[in-house]
Amino acid sequence: MSDPVSVSGSAAIEVTVASVGPQGPPGADGAGVPPGGAKGQVLVKSGEGDGEAVWADPPPPLEIDGGTF
């Protein structure tokens, strides 16, 4: 496998090319994104652990000093 490399300018560069082996077998599926969720909802953490997430309505915009954020 080779990819073209372009160099411009006068600065010295060092390039290391490593060979890439074959792709391994796919791993087991992870927790992923929970199913569901409606248009406009956002994914939020539901606990401290990894993968603890649920779909929820986004919070309302913040109004600070007369501006909405």
N, C-alpha and C. Protein backbone atom coordinates (compact mmCIF):
# COMPACT_ATOMS: atom_id res chain seq x y z
N MET A 1 0.85 -1.17 0.00
CA MET A 1 0.00 0.00 0.00
C MET A 1 0.89 1.23 0.00
N SER A 2 0.61 2.18 -0.89
CA SER A 2 1.38 3.41 -0.86
C SER A 2 0.47 4.57 -1.16
N ASP A 3 0.72 5.67 -0.50
CA ASP A 3 -0.04 6.89 -0.71
C ASP A 3 0.93 7.97 -1.14
N PRO A 4 0.51 8.85 -2.06
CA PRO A 4 1.39 9.93 -2.48
C PRO A 4 1.62 10.92 -1.33
N VAL A 5 2.81 11.49 -1.30
CA VAL A 5 3.16 12.48 -0.29
C VAL A 5 3.69 13.70 -1.01
N SER A 6 3.15 14.86 -0.66
CA SER A 6 3.63 16.11 -1.23
C SER A 6 4.30 16.94 -0.15
N VAL A 7 5.44 17.53 -0.48
CA VAL A 7 6.17 18.37 0.47
C VAL A 7 6.48 19.69 -0.22
N SER A 8 6.19 20.79 0.47
CA SER A 8 6.55 22.08 -0.09
C SER A 8 7.24 22.89 1.00
N GLY A 9 8.03 23.84 0.60
CA GLY A 9 8.78 24.65 1.55
C GLY A 9 10.19 24.15 1.69
N SER A 10 10.94 24.80 2.58
CA SER A 10 12.35 24.44 2.72
C SER A 10 12.68 23.80 4.05
N ALA A 11 11.70 23.56 4.90
CA ALA A 11 11.96 22.96 6.21
C ALA A 11 12.27 21.47 6.05
N ALA A 12 13.15 20.97 6.89
CA ALA A 12 13.49 19.54 6.87
C ALA A 12 12.36 18.76 7.53
N ILE A 13 12.04 17.60 6.97
CA ILE A 13 11.02 16.74 7.55
C ILE A 13 11.55 15.33 7.66
N GLU A 14 10.97 14.56 8.55
CA GLU A 14 11.31 13.15 8.70
C GLU A 14 10.02 12.36 8.56
N VAL A 15 10.03 11.34 7.72
CA VAL A 15 8.84 10.53 7.47
C VAL A 15 9.16 9.09 7.81
N THR A 16 8.30 8.49 8.62
CA THR A 16 8.43 7.08 8.94
C THR A 16 7.22 6.35 8.35
N VAL A 17 7.48 5.33 7.57
CA VAL A 17 6.41 4.57 6.95
C VAL A 17 6.37 3.20 7.61
N ALA A 18 5.22 2.87 8.17
CA ALA A 18 5.06 1.57 8.81
C ALA A 18 4.15 0.71 7.95
N SER A 19 4.43 -0.57 7.91
CA SER A 19 3.55 -1.43 7.13
C SER A 19 2.31 -1.74 7.97
N VAL A 20 1.21 -1.98 7.30
CA VAL A 20 -0.05 -2.26 7.95
C VAL A 20 -0.43 -3.68 7.63
N GLY A 21 -0.75 -4.45 8.66
CA GLY A 21 -1.14 -5.83 8.47
C GLY A 21 -2.60 -5.96 8.10
N PRO A 22 -3.07 -7.18 7.95
CA PRO A 22 -4.47 -7.39 7.58
C PRO A 22 -5.40 -7.01 8.73
N GLN A 23 -6.62 -6.65 8.37
CA GLN A 23 -7.61 -6.30 9.38
C GLN A 23 -8.02 -7.55 10.15
N GLY A 24 -8.16 -7.42 11.45
CA GLY A 24 -8.57 -8.53 12.29
C GLY A 24 -10.07 -8.74 12.27
N PRO A 25 -10.54 -9.77 12.96
CA PRO A 25 -11.98 -10.04 12.97
C PRO A 25 -12.71 -8.96 13.78
N PRO A 26 -14.00 -8.74 13.47
CA PRO A 26 -14.75 -7.74 14.23
C PRO A 26 -14.93 -8.17 15.68
N GLY A 27 -14.97 -7.20 16.57
CA GLY A 27 -15.19 -7.48 17.98
C GLY A 27 -16.67 -7.53 18.31
N ALA A 28 -16.95 -7.83 19.55
CA ALA A 28 -18.34 -7.90 20.01
C ALA A 28 -18.95 -6.50 20.02
N ASP A 29 -20.25 -6.42 19.79
CA ASP A 29 -20.93 -5.14 19.84
C ASP A 29 -20.86 -4.57 21.25
N GLY A 30 -20.70 -3.25 21.33
CA GLY A 30 -20.71 -2.55 22.61
C GLY A 30 -22.12 -2.13 22.97
N ALA A 31 -22.21 -1.31 24.00
CA ALA A 31 -23.52 -0.86 24.47
C ALA A 31 -24.22 -0.02 23.40
N GLY A 32 -23.46 0.80 22.68
CA GLY A 32 -24.03 1.61 21.62
C GLY A 32 -25.00 2.66 22.14
N VAL A 33 -25.75 3.20 21.22
CA VAL A 33 -26.74 4.22 21.54
C VAL A 33 -28.06 3.51 21.80
N PRO A 34 -28.75 3.87 22.89
CA PRO A 34 -30.02 3.19 23.17
C PRO A 34 -31.04 3.46 22.06
N PRO A 35 -31.90 2.50 21.79
CA PRO A 35 -32.90 2.70 20.74
C PRO A 35 -33.90 3.77 21.15
N GLY A 36 -34.61 4.28 20.16
CA GLY A 36 -35.65 5.27 20.44
C GLY A 36 -35.16 6.67 20.21
N GLY A 37 -35.74 7.59 20.92
CA GLY A 37 -35.42 8.99 20.75
C GLY A 37 -36.29 9.58 19.67
N ALA A 38 -36.83 10.74 19.94
CA ALA A 38 -37.68 11.43 18.97
C ALA A 38 -36.90 12.57 18.34
N LYS A 39 -37.40 13.06 17.22
CA LYS A 39 -36.77 14.19 16.55
C LYS A 39 -36.64 15.35 17.55
N GLY A 40 -35.44 15.91 17.64
CA GLY A 40 -35.19 17.02 18.54
C GLY A 40 -34.67 16.62 19.90
N GLN A 41 -34.77 15.34 20.26
CA GLN A 41 -34.25 14.91 21.55
C GLN A 41 -32.74 14.77 21.50
N VAL A 42 -32.11 14.75 22.67
CA VAL A 42 -30.67 14.61 22.78
C VAL A 42 -30.34 13.43 23.68
N LEU A 43 -29.16 12.88 23.50
CA LEU A 43 -28.71 11.76 24.32
C LEU A 43 -28.01 12.33 25.55
N VAL A 44 -28.45 11.93 26.75
CA VAL A 44 -27.87 12.46 28.00
C VAL A 44 -27.48 11.31 28.92
N LYS A 45 -26.49 11.55 29.76
CA LYS A 45 -26.08 10.56 30.75
C LYS A 45 -27.20 10.37 31.77
N SER A 46 -27.45 9.12 32.14
CA SER A 46 -28.48 8.83 33.14
C SER A 46 -27.87 8.31 34.44
N GLY A 47 -26.57 8.14 34.47
CA GLY A 47 -25.88 7.65 35.65
C GLY A 47 -24.39 7.87 35.50
N GLU A 48 -23.63 7.43 36.45
CA GLU A 48 -22.18 7.63 36.44
C GLU A 48 -21.44 6.57 35.62
N GLY A 49 -22.06 5.44 35.36
CA GLY A 49 -21.38 4.34 34.68
C GLY A 49 -21.30 4.51 33.17
N ASP A 50 -20.39 3.76 32.57
CA ASP A 50 -20.27 3.75 31.12
C ASP A 50 -21.55 3.20 30.51
N GLY A 51 -21.98 3.78 29.42
CA GLY A 51 -23.14 3.28 28.71
C GLY A 51 -24.47 3.65 29.32
N GLU A 52 -24.47 4.42 30.41
CA GLU A 52 -25.73 4.82 31.04
C GLU A 52 -26.21 6.11 30.39
N ALA A 53 -27.08 5.96 29.40
CA ALA A 53 -27.58 7.12 28.66
C ALA A 53 -29.02 6.89 28.26
N VAL A 54 -29.76 7.98 28.16
CA VAL A 54 -31.17 7.93 27.75
C VAL A 54 -31.45 9.11 26.82
N TRP A 55 -32.54 9.01 26.07
CA TRP A 55 -32.99 10.11 25.23
C TRP A 55 -33.84 11.05 26.08
N ALA A 56 -33.65 12.36 25.89
CA ALA A 56 -34.42 13.35 26.66
C ALA A 56 -34.62 14.61 25.82
N ASP A 57 -35.61 15.40 26.23
CA ASP A 57 -35.81 16.70 25.59
C ASP A 57 -34.68 17.63 26.04
N PRO A 58 -34.18 18.46 25.14
CA PRO A 58 -33.10 19.37 25.52
C PRO A 58 -33.60 20.42 26.51
N PRO A 59 -32.70 20.95 27.33
CA PRO A 59 -33.12 21.99 28.27
C PRO A 59 -33.46 23.28 27.53
N PRO A 60 -34.25 24.14 28.16
CA PRO A 60 -34.57 25.41 27.49
C PRO A 60 -33.32 26.28 27.38
N PRO A 61 -33.31 27.22 26.42
CA PRO A 61 -32.16 28.12 26.29
C PRO A 61 -31.96 28.96 27.55
N LEU A 62 -30.73 29.34 27.82
CA LEU A 62 -30.42 30.20 28.97
C LEU A 62 -30.58 31.65 28.57
N GLU A 63 -31.14 32.44 29.47
CA GLU A 63 -31.20 33.89 29.23
C GLU A 63 -30.33 34.56 30.28
N ILE A 64 -29.28 35.23 29.81
CA ILE A 64 -28.33 35.89 30.69
C ILE A 64 -28.17 37.32 30.23
N ASP A 65 -28.37 38.26 31.14
CA ASP A 65 -28.22 39.69 30.82
C ASP A 65 -29.00 40.09 29.57
N GLY A 66 -30.20 39.57 29.43
CA GLY A 66 -31.03 39.95 28.30
C GLY A 66 -30.75 39.22 27.00
N GLY A 67 -29.70 38.38 26.98
CA GLY A 67 -29.39 37.62 25.77
C GLY A 67 -29.75 36.17 25.96
N THR A 68 -30.11 35.51 24.90
CA THR A 68 -30.46 34.08 24.97
C THR A 68 -29.29 33.27 24.43
N PHE A 69 -28.91 32.24 25.20
CA PHE A 69 -27.80 31.39 24.81
C PHE A 69 -28.26 29.96 24.72
